[in-house]
């Protein structure tokens, strides 16, 4: 068991390094090779639909392979391989918009397809008495790796941008993607070292979509998930376009970009233990309302002023309030799904979240296409994102905390995990697995 836990901890760190060095800089790379602001915004969101669809084959693939571990290792290896064409494109200084979308789609499909399977697998490895402490340590280590990778990547790009030619910047991107791919390969090797006490739960079964959707529509937990999905869509109207706005409209340097994201990230880290003490006094429902109301103006804060100092204040407030929002959902949803149903149930929930994510980003992109990618158009979608979050509170008002288990599915509450590498992104996917989050408005 100790060997498994050490390997899992190392896997989380290596995965975090991949996210910080590679995934977070994909939109910036798209801008660097001249593909435009709209492509840079959509590359971090639209390809996610491939991941959502890929998840739907996970239960069948796991049953065919007779192992959750094998499926996770296969998908993780494919994800590592997606950095090869990115390295080549950065070295050559060119890639088509279609090609980068396809690469991103394979990356997300392989990454998200591991989620439900990994959750089931790790649940069989980590004993219940040590789960809380282990996942807390693993999450902090993974987040630290994301932040370190993000910081080192930003410093490398900032240094490369001081040269008179564009070549050093492209070389820096090639190096970042190469190291990110190596990090994922290290992650794969550490996954392979872990045991699999229960390759397939004895009573593993697939839950019909109709029954899951019924619980979504009629159950109290489902109402909360609907609220979460609507918030996800509202956030992603603006979320993917913060990076293009900062680079193309505000003309921020790589160093300033990293600084703003780091402020929010660090604010979240420092705020989480504080909110943890607060929730013991006021309860999770009140904390959820604090977070739900608090995130409403965060996107609109970018409309008030674009001065770097003001944006720093907005980012600090954003990281603090997102910490409350995410902690509330984490506490409400961390009652895990019955092991034999977990992969199937989480797969469909993740698909719903992915659809909300992509629909929101497409609406934001459509708005920029129709109205033009002007400075004021960006400010308008930031404001509309806040309006959408505010309207979603109507759904939250209809929700009451469940007092009993949700029937025969064995689901009391659905678990969530921090999301990865997107600006202003709330949470949804599954249990705390491989991914840590970077924070933004």
Protein backbone atom coordinates (compact mmCIF):
# COMPACT_ATOMS: atom_id res chain seq x y z
CA UNK A 1 0.00 0.00 0.00
CA UNK A 2 2.77 2.44 0.86
CA UNK A 3 4.42 1.81 -2.48
CA UNK A 4 1.09 2.46 -4.23
CA UNK A 5 0.54 5.70 -2.34
CA UNK A 6 4.05 6.96 -3.10
CA UNK A 7 3.57 6.16 -6.78
CA UNK A 8 0.18 7.89 -6.81
CA UNK A 9 1.65 10.96 -5.13
CA UNK A 10 4.42 11.08 -7.75
CA UNK A 11 1.85 10.62 -10.50
CA UNK A 12 -0.07 13.64 -9.23
CA UNK A 13 3.09 15.77 -9.20
CA UNK A 14 4.11 14.67 -12.71
CA UNK A 15 0.61 15.29 -14.02
CA UNK A 16 0.61 18.75 -12.44
CA UNK A 17 3.91 19.49 -14.17
CA UNK A 18 2.34 18.59 -17.51
CA UNK A 19 -0.64 20.86 -16.90
CA UNK A 20 1.46 23.81 -15.72
CA UNK A 21 4.08 23.61 -18.46
CA UNK A 22 1.98 22.49 -21.38
CA UNK A 23 -1.78 22.65 -21.17
CA UNK A 24 -2.01 26.14 -19.70
CA UNK A 25 0.11 27.65 -22.49
CA UNK A 26 -1.75 26.16 -25.46
CA UNK A 27 -3.88 29.31 -26.08
CA UNK A 28 -0.75 31.49 -25.86
CA UNK A 29 0.97 29.21 -28.38
CA UNK A 30 -1.97 29.52 -30.77
CA UNK A 31 -1.56 33.29 -30.62
CA UNK A 32 2.21 33.02 -31.06
CA UNK A 33 1.85 31.11 -34.36
CA UNK A 34 -0.65 33.67 -35.64
CA UNK A 35 -3.90 31.69 -35.60
CA UNK A 36 -5.91 34.53 -34.09
CA UNK A 37 -7.85 35.39 -30.97
CA UNK A 38 -10.97 33.31 -31.69
CA UNK A 39 -8.97 30.12 -32.25
CA UNK A 40 -6.94 30.81 -29.11
CA UNK A 41 -10.15 31.10 -27.12
CA UNK A 42 -11.88 28.06 -28.55
CA UNK A 43 -8.88 25.72 -28.45
CA UNK A 44 -9.20 25.52 -24.67
CA UNK A 45 -12.90 24.71 -24.75
CA UNK A 46 -14.42 23.27 -27.95
CA UNK A 47 -12.08 20.22 -28.11
CA UNK A 48 -13.43 19.24 -24.69
CA UNK A 49 -16.50 17.82 -26.40
CA UNK A 50 -14.27 15.06 -27.77
CA UNK A 51 -13.34 14.24 -24.21
CA UNK A 52 -16.97 14.12 -23.18
CA UNK A 53 -17.81 11.76 -26.02
CA UNK A 54 -14.74 9.62 -25.40
CA UNK A 55 -15.86 9.12 -21.83
CA UNK A 56 -18.97 7.38 -23.08
CA UNK A 57 -16.91 4.48 -24.40
CA UNK A 58 -14.96 4.14 -21.15
CA UNK A 59 -17.29 1.65 -19.39
CA UNK A 60 -17.37 -0.66 -22.44
CA UNK A 61 -13.59 -0.37 -22.94
CA UNK A 62 -12.94 -1.18 -19.28
CA UNK A 63 -15.14 -4.26 -19.43
CA UNK A 64 -13.39 -5.36 -22.63
CA UNK A 65 -9.93 -4.85 -21.10
CA UNK A 66 -11.08 -6.33 -17.79
CA UNK A 67 -9.16 -3.59 -15.99
CA UNK A 68 -9.51 0.05 -15.00
CA UNK A 69 -5.73 0.34 -14.74
CA UNK A 70 -5.09 -0.76 -18.32
CA UNK A 71 -7.58 1.76 -19.68
CA UNK A 72 -6.05 4.60 -17.64
CA UNK A 73 -2.51 3.74 -18.81
CA UNK A 74 -3.57 3.53 -22.46
CA UNK A 75 -5.34 6.89 -22.34
CA UNK A 76 -2.52 8.58 -20.42
CA UNK A 77 0.01 7.32 -22.98
CA UNK A 78 -2.08 8.74 -25.82
CA UNK A 79 -2.26 12.05 -23.98
CA UNK A 80 1.53 12.15 -23.66
CA UNK A 81 1.86 11.48 -27.40
CA UNK A 82 -0.22 14.57 -28.28
CA UNK A 83 2.69 16.79 -27.30
CA UNK A 84 4.80 15.41 -30.18
CA UNK A 85 2.93 17.32 -32.94
CA UNK A 86 2.87 20.42 -30.72
CA UNK A 87 6.66 20.29 -30.33
CA UNK A 88 7.03 19.88 -34.08
CA UNK A 89 4.65 22.76 -34.77
CA UNK A 90 6.44 25.05 -32.34
CA UNK A 91 9.81 24.16 -33.86
CA UNK A 92 8.54 24.84 -37.38
CA UNK A 93 6.62 27.93 -36.29
CA UNK A 94 3.38 26.98 -37.98
CA UNK A 95 0.30 24.77 -37.62
CA UNK A 96 -3.18 25.02 -39.10
CA UNK A 97 -6.20 25.89 -37.01
CA UNK A 98 -7.79 22.53 -37.83
CA UNK A 99 -4.66 20.63 -36.83
CA UNK A 100 -4.32 22.32 -33.46
CA UNK A 101 -8.00 21.68 -32.76
CA UNK A 102 -7.58 17.98 -33.61
CA UNK A 103 -4.51 17.68 -31.38
CA UNK A 104 -6.33 19.45 -28.54
CA UNK A 105 -9.37 17.20 -29.03
CA UNK A 106 -7.23 14.04 -28.75
CA UNK A 107 -5.49 15.51 -25.69
CA UNK A 108 -8.77 16.18 -23.90
CA UNK A 109 -10.39 12.95 -25.06
CA UNK A 110 -7.51 10.89 -23.68
CA UNK A 111 -7.29 12.94 -20.49
CA UNK A 112 -10.96 13.08 -19.59
CA UNK A 113 -11.51 9.43 -20.48
CA UNK A 114 -9.20 8.47 -17.61
CA UNK A 115 -11.25 10.34 -14.98
CA UNK A 116 -14.08 7.96 -14.03
CA UNK A 117 -11.84 4.89 -14.41
CA UNK A 118 -9.09 6.43 -12.29
CA UNK A 119 -11.58 7.38 -9.59
CA UNK A 120 -12.81 3.80 -9.34
CA UNK A 121 -9.27 2.39 -9.42
CA UNK A 122 -7.78 4.73 -6.82
CA UNK A 123 -10.75 4.02 -4.56
CA UNK A 124 -9.66 0.38 -4.42
CA UNK A 125 -6.07 1.34 -3.56
CA UNK A 126 -6.45 3.99 -0.86
CA UNK A 127 -8.00 2.64 2.37
CA UNK A 128 -10.89 4.72 3.78
CA UNK A 129 -9.07 5.62 7.04
CA UNK A 130 -6.30 7.46 5.16
CA UNK A 131 -8.23 8.83 2.18
CA UNK A 132 -8.87 12.34 3.49
CA UNK A 133 -5.28 12.91 4.53
CA UNK A 134 -3.77 11.28 1.44
CA UNK A 135 -5.92 13.18 -1.06
CA UNK A 136 -5.22 16.44 0.80
CA UNK A 137 -1.47 15.85 0.52
CA UNK A 138 -1.72 14.67 -3.08
CA UNK A 139 -3.87 17.61 -4.14
CA UNK A 140 -1.52 20.15 -2.55
CA UNK A 141 1.50 18.50 -4.19
CA UNK A 142 -0.22 18.42 -7.58
CA UNK A 143 -1.31 22.05 -7.29
CA UNK A 144 2.22 23.06 -6.31
CA UNK A 145 3.52 21.29 -9.43
CA UNK A 146 0.96 23.06 -11.63
CA UNK A 147 1.95 26.41 -10.18
CA UNK A 148 5.69 25.71 -10.44
CA UNK A 149 5.31 24.59 -14.05
CA UNK A 150 3.16 27.59 -14.91
CA UNK A 151 5.65 29.96 -13.28
CA UNK A 152 8.70 28.41 -14.94
CA UNK A 153 6.95 28.41 -18.31
CA UNK A 154 6.06 32.07 -17.97
CA UNK A 155 9.61 33.01 -17.00
CA UNK A 156 11.00 31.09 -19.97
CA UNK A 157 8.61 32.78 -22.39
CA UNK A 158 9.24 36.20 -20.87
CA UNK A 159 13.00 35.74 -21.27
CA UNK A 160 12.60 34.48 -24.85
CA UNK A 161 10.43 37.47 -25.74
CA UNK A 162 13.25 39.91 -24.92
CA UNK A 163 15.06 38.92 -28.13
CA UNK A 164 14.47 40.92 -31.30
CA UNK A 165 13.31 37.89 -33.28
CA UNK A 166 10.31 35.64 -32.75
CA UNK A 167 12.34 32.43 -33.06
CA UNK A 168 13.36 32.19 -29.36
CA UNK A 169 9.70 32.34 -28.29
CA UNK A 170 8.80 29.43 -30.57
CA UNK A 171 11.82 27.49 -29.30
CA UNK A 172 10.63 28.13 -25.74
CA UNK A 173 7.18 26.76 -26.60
CA UNK A 174 8.77 23.67 -28.16
CA UNK A 175 10.80 23.12 -24.99
CA UNK A 176 7.77 23.58 -22.72
CA UNK A 177 5.69 21.09 -24.70
CA UNK A 178 8.55 18.58 -24.77
CA UNK A 179 9.03 18.73 -21.01
CA UNK A 180 5.24 18.56 -20.49
CA UNK A 181 5.11 15.37 -22.57
CA UNK A 182 7.97 13.89 -20.56
CA UNK A 183 6.11 14.72 -17.35
CA UNK A 184 3.10 12.76 -18.60
CA UNK A 185 5.35 9.82 -19.51
CA UNK A 186 6.71 9.86 -15.97
CA UNK A 187 3.10 9.89 -14.79
CA UNK A 188 2.38 6.84 -16.99
CA UNK A 189 5.32 4.92 -15.53
CA UNK A 190 4.13 5.69 -11.99
CA UNK A 191 0.60 4.62 -12.85
CA UNK A 192 1.99 1.33 -14.15
CA UNK A 193 3.78 0.72 -10.83
CA UNK A 194 0.55 0.84 -8.85
CA UNK A 195 -1.35 -2.32 -8.07
CA UNK A 196 -4.96 -3.04 -8.95
CA UNK A 197 -6.58 -5.00 -6.11
CA UNK A 198 -9.96 -5.06 -7.86
CA UNK A 199 -9.60 -4.86 -11.68
CA UNK A 200 -13.38 -5.00 -12.12
CA UNK A 201 -15.86 -4.72 -9.20
CA UNK A 202 -17.78 -7.98 -8.93
CA UNK A 203 -21.15 -6.28 -9.33
CA UNK A 204 -20.09 -3.52 -11.73
CA UNK A 205 -23.00 -2.49 -13.88
CA UNK A 206 -23.94 0.24 -16.29
CA UNK A 207 -26.73 2.56 -15.18
CA UNK A 208 -29.24 3.41 -17.93
CA UNK A 209 -29.14 7.02 -19.04
CA UNK A 210 -32.89 7.37 -18.52
CA UNK A 211 -32.60 6.56 -14.83
CA UNK A 212 -29.66 8.91 -14.28
CA UNK A 213 -31.44 11.72 -16.14
CA UNK A 214 -34.54 11.09 -14.05
CA UNK A 215 -32.51 11.67 -10.89
CA UNK A 216 -30.98 14.76 -12.47
CA UNK A 217 -34.38 16.23 -13.24
CA UNK A 218 -36.36 15.13 -10.18
CA UNK A 219 -33.85 14.74 -7.35
CA UNK A 220 -32.49 17.51 -5.13
CA UNK A 221 -28.93 16.54 -6.01
CA UNK A 222 -29.85 16.78 -9.67
CA UNK A 223 -31.14 20.32 -9.22
CA UNK A 224 -27.82 21.29 -7.74
CA UNK A 225 -26.00 19.73 -10.68
CA UNK A 226 -28.20 21.63 -13.10
CA UNK A 227 -27.28 24.87 -11.33
CA UNK A 228 -23.61 23.91 -11.55
CA UNK A 229 -23.89 23.17 -15.27
CA UNK A 230 -25.63 26.51 -15.94
CA UNK A 231 -22.90 28.34 -14.02
CA UNK A 232 -20.30 26.43 -16.03
CA UNK A 233 -21.90 27.59 -19.27
CA UNK A 234 -22.14 31.20 -18.09
CA UNK A 235 -18.52 31.21 -16.94
CA UNK A 236 -17.25 29.74 -20.20
CA UNK A 237 -18.93 32.46 -22.24
CA UNK A 238 -16.00 34.59 -21.12
CA UNK A 239 -13.47 32.18 -19.60
CA UNK A 240 -11.64 31.00 -22.74
CA UNK A 241 -11.25 34.58 -23.99
CA UNK A 242 -9.41 36.13 -21.07
CA UNK A 243 -6.03 34.99 -22.41
CA UNK A 244 -6.55 36.46 -25.91
CA UNK A 245 -7.86 39.65 -24.31
CA UNK A 246 -4.79 39.99 -22.10
CA UNK A 247 -2.30 39.30 -24.88
CA UNK A 248 -3.96 40.96 -27.88
CA UNK A 249 -5.98 43.84 -26.41
CA UNK A 250 -4.14 44.71 -23.20
CA UNK A 251 -0.77 43.80 -24.74
CA UNK A 252 0.43 42.23 -21.52
CA UNK A 253 3.83 40.59 -21.44
CA UNK A 254 4.21 36.93 -20.53
CA UNK A 255 5.47 38.06 -17.13
CA UNK A 256 2.40 40.22 -16.47
CA UNK A 257 0.13 37.41 -17.63
CA UNK A 258 1.78 34.96 -15.24
CA UNK A 259 1.63 37.53 -12.44
CA UNK A 260 -2.13 38.05 -12.75
CA UNK A 261 -2.90 34.34 -12.84
CA UNK A 262 -0.52 33.69 -9.96
CA UNK A 263 -2.26 36.26 -7.76
CA UNK A 264 -5.58 34.43 -8.12
CA UNK A 265 -3.98 31.02 -7.69
CA UNK A 266 -2.17 31.99 -4.50
CA UNK A 267 -5.24 33.77 -3.14
CA UNK A 268 -7.20 30.56 -3.58
CA UNK A 269 -4.55 28.49 -1.81
CA UNK A 270 -4.44 30.83 1.18
CA UNK A 271 -8.24 31.22 1.31
CA UNK A 272 -9.12 27.51 1.32
CA UNK A 273 -8.10 26.76 4.93
CA UNK A 274 -9.84 29.96 6.08
CA UNK A 275 -13.08 28.96 4.36
CA UNK A 276 -12.60 25.51 5.86
CA UNK A 277 -12.86 27.02 9.33
CA UNK A 278 -15.75 29.28 8.30
CA UNK A 279 -17.82 26.40 6.95
CA UNK A 280 -17.66 24.66 10.31
CA UNK A 281 -19.49 27.66 11.76
CA UNK A 282 -22.02 28.48 9.04
CA UNK A 283 -22.51 25.20 7.15
CA UNK A 284 -21.97 24.27 3.52
CA UNK A 285 -25.26 25.66 2.18
CA UNK A 286 -24.45 29.18 3.39
CA UNK A 287 -20.91 28.87 2.10
CA UNK A 288 -22.32 27.85 -1.27
CA UNK A 289 -24.46 30.99 -1.32
CA UNK A 290 -21.44 33.11 -0.41
CA UNK A 291 -19.51 31.58 -3.29
CA UNK A 292 -22.42 31.60 -5.73
CA UNK A 293 -23.19 35.28 -5.14
CA UNK A 294 -19.54 36.24 -4.89
CA UNK A 295 -18.54 34.87 -8.30
CA UNK A 296 -21.24 36.91 -10.06
CA UNK A 297 -19.31 40.22 -10.34
CA UNK A 298 -15.86 38.72 -10.84
CA UNK A 299 -15.97 38.66 -14.64
CA UNK A 300 -17.56 42.12 -14.78
CA UNK A 301 -14.68 43.43 -12.68
CA UNK A 302 -12.61 43.44 -15.86
CA UNK A 303 -15.09 45.92 -17.38
CA UNK A 304 -14.58 48.51 -14.63
CA UNK A 305 -10.91 49.11 -15.39
CA UNK A 306 -8.07 47.43 -17.21
CA UNK A 307 -5.26 48.93 -15.14
CA UNK A 308 -2.84 46.22 -14.08
CA UNK A 309 -3.16 47.10 -10.37
CA UNK A 310 -6.95 46.98 -10.47
CA UNK A 311 -6.85 43.65 -12.29
CA UNK A 312 -4.54 42.36 -9.58
CA UNK A 313 -7.15 43.29 -6.97
CA UNK A 314 -9.89 41.61 -9.01
CA UNK A 315 -7.77 38.48 -9.34
CA UNK A 316 -7.11 38.36 -5.61
CA UNK A 317 -10.83 38.67 -4.87
CA UNK A 318 -11.59 36.12 -7.58
CA UNK A 319 -9.25 33.48 -6.19
CA UNK A 320 -10.65 34.02 -2.70
CA UNK A 321 -14.31 33.72 -3.67
CA UNK A 322 -13.79 30.80 -6.08
CA UNK A 323 -12.17 28.96 -3.17
CA UNK A 324 -15.41 29.30 -1.21
CA UNK A 325 -17.53 28.21 -4.17
CA UNK A 326 -15.42 25.15 -4.93
CA UNK A 327 -15.02 24.10 -1.31
CA UNK A 328 -18.78 24.21 -0.81
CA UNK A 329 -19.38 21.94 -3.77
CA UNK A 330 -16.55 19.68 -2.78
CA UNK A 331 -18.03 19.18 0.68
CA UNK A 332 -21.55 18.75 -0.65
CA UNK A 333 -20.58 16.30 -3.35
CA UNK A 334 -17.75 14.24 -1.91
CA UNK A 335 -20.07 11.44 -0.88
CA UNK A 336 -18.87 8.94 -3.47
CA UNK A 337 -21.03 6.91 -5.79
CA UNK A 338 -21.39 3.19 -5.19
CA UNK A 339 -18.22 1.56 -6.52
CA UNK A 340 -20.00 -0.77 -8.92
CA UNK A 341 -21.87 2.16 -10.52
CA UNK A 342 -19.26 4.89 -10.23
CA UNK A 343 -17.67 4.72 -13.68
CA UNK A 344 -20.98 4.70 -15.52
CA UNK A 345 -22.60 7.46 -13.45
CA UNK A 346 -19.61 9.80 -13.45
CA UNK A 347 -19.23 9.34 -17.19
CA UNK A 348 -22.65 10.78 -17.92
CA UNK A 349 -22.31 13.59 -15.39
CA UNK A 350 -18.98 14.56 -16.90
CA UNK A 351 -20.53 14.60 -20.36
CA UNK A 352 -23.23 17.01 -19.18
CA UNK A 353 -20.59 19.27 -17.69
CA UNK A 354 -18.52 19.16 -20.87
CA UNK A 355 -21.54 20.06 -22.99
CA UNK A 356 -22.25 23.06 -20.74
CA UNK A 357 -18.60 24.12 -21.00
CA UNK A 358 -18.54 23.90 -24.81
CA UNK A 359 -21.94 25.54 -25.32
CA UNK A 360 -20.89 28.48 -23.17
CA UNK A 361 -17.61 28.97 -25.04
CA UNK A 362 -19.34 28.66 -28.41
CA UNK A 363 -21.84 31.34 -27.41
CA UNK A 364 -18.98 33.63 -26.44
CA UNK A 365 -17.14 32.84 -29.68
CA UNK A 366 -20.28 33.39 -31.75
CA UNK A 367 -20.73 36.77 -30.11
CA UNK A 368 -17.18 37.77 -31.06
CA UNK A 369 -17.73 36.58 -34.63
CA UNK A 370 -20.98 38.54 -35.02
CA UNK A 371 -19.90 41.68 -33.20
CA UNK A 372 -16.21 41.55 -34.11
CA UNK A 373 -13.22 40.97 -31.84
CA UNK A 374 -13.09 44.57 -30.69
CA UNK A 375 -12.04 45.76 -27.26
CA UNK A 376 -15.62 46.57 -26.29
CA UNK A 377 -16.90 43.21 -27.55
CA UNK A 378 -14.64 41.44 -25.05
CA UNK A 379 -15.87 43.69 -22.25
CA UNK A 380 -19.46 42.94 -23.22
CA UNK A 381 -19.06 39.15 -23.03
CA UNK A 382 -17.33 39.57 -19.66
CA UNK A 383 -20.40 41.48 -18.47
CA UNK A 384 -22.81 38.94 -19.98
CA UNK A 385 -20.96 36.18 -18.16
CA UNK A 386 -21.69 37.92 -14.86
CA UNK A 387 -25.35 38.31 -15.84
CA UNK A 388 -25.59 34.58 -16.57
CA UNK A 389 -24.08 33.70 -13.20
CA UNK A 390 -26.57 35.97 -11.49
CA UNK A 391 -29.54 34.41 -13.27
CA UNK A 392 -28.28 30.95 -12.28
CA UNK A 393 -28.89 31.86 -8.64
CA UNK A 394 -32.61 31.37 -9.36
CA UNK A 395 -31.84 27.67 -9.78
CA UNK A 396 -29.80 27.62 -6.59
CA UNK A 397 -32.74 29.13 -4.71
CA UNK A 398 -34.87 26.14 -5.78
CA UNK A 399 -32.39 23.68 -4.31
CA UNK A 400 -32.58 22.33 -0.77
CA UNK A 401 -29.85 20.10 0.72
CA UNK A 402 -30.74 16.40 0.55
CA UNK A 403 -31.45 14.74 3.85
CA UNK A 404 -31.65 11.17 2.63
CA UNK A 405 -29.87 9.04 0.06
CA UNK A 406 -30.97 9.35 -3.54
CA UNK A 407 -32.77 6.06 -3.93
CA UNK A 408 -31.57 2.83 -5.40
CA UNK A 409 -28.71 4.29 -7.44
CA UNK A 410 -26.66 4.35 -4.25
CA UNK A 411 -25.83 8.02 -4.84
CA UNK A 412 -26.12 10.40 -1.95
CA UNK A 413 -24.25 13.23 -3.59
CA UNK A 414 -22.11 13.49 -6.68
CA UNK A 415 -18.46 14.33 -6.13
CA UNK A 416 -16.53 17.00 -7.98
CA UNK A 417 -12.94 17.91 -8.50
CA UNK A 418 -11.04 21.08 -9.33
CA UNK A 419 -10.90 21.80 -13.00
CA UNK A 420 -7.80 22.44 -15.01
CA UNK A 421 -6.11 25.18 -16.89
CA UNK A 422 -9.02 27.37 -17.83
CA UNK A 423 -9.66 30.94 -16.90
CA UNK A 424 -12.56 31.59 -14.57
CA UNK A 425 -13.47 27.92 -14.52
CA UNK A 426 -15.62 26.43 -11.79
CA UNK A 427 -15.64 22.78 -10.96
CA UNK A 428 -17.49 19.74 -12.08
CA UNK A 429 -16.04 16.61 -13.39
CA UNK A 430 -15.68 13.84 -10.81
CA UNK A 431 -13.66 12.97 -7.74
CA UNK A 432 -10.34 14.61 -6.88
CA UNK A 433 -8.18 12.88 -9.43
CA UNK A 434 -5.29 14.03 -11.52
CA UNK A 435 -6.06 17.66 -12.05
CA UNK A 436 -5.38 20.87 -10.15
CA UNK A 437 -6.65 24.23 -11.21
CA UNK A 438 -5.32 27.60 -12.17
CA UNK A 439 -7.48 30.46 -10.98
CA UNK A 440 -8.91 33.46 -12.75
CA UNK A 441 -11.94 35.76 -12.55
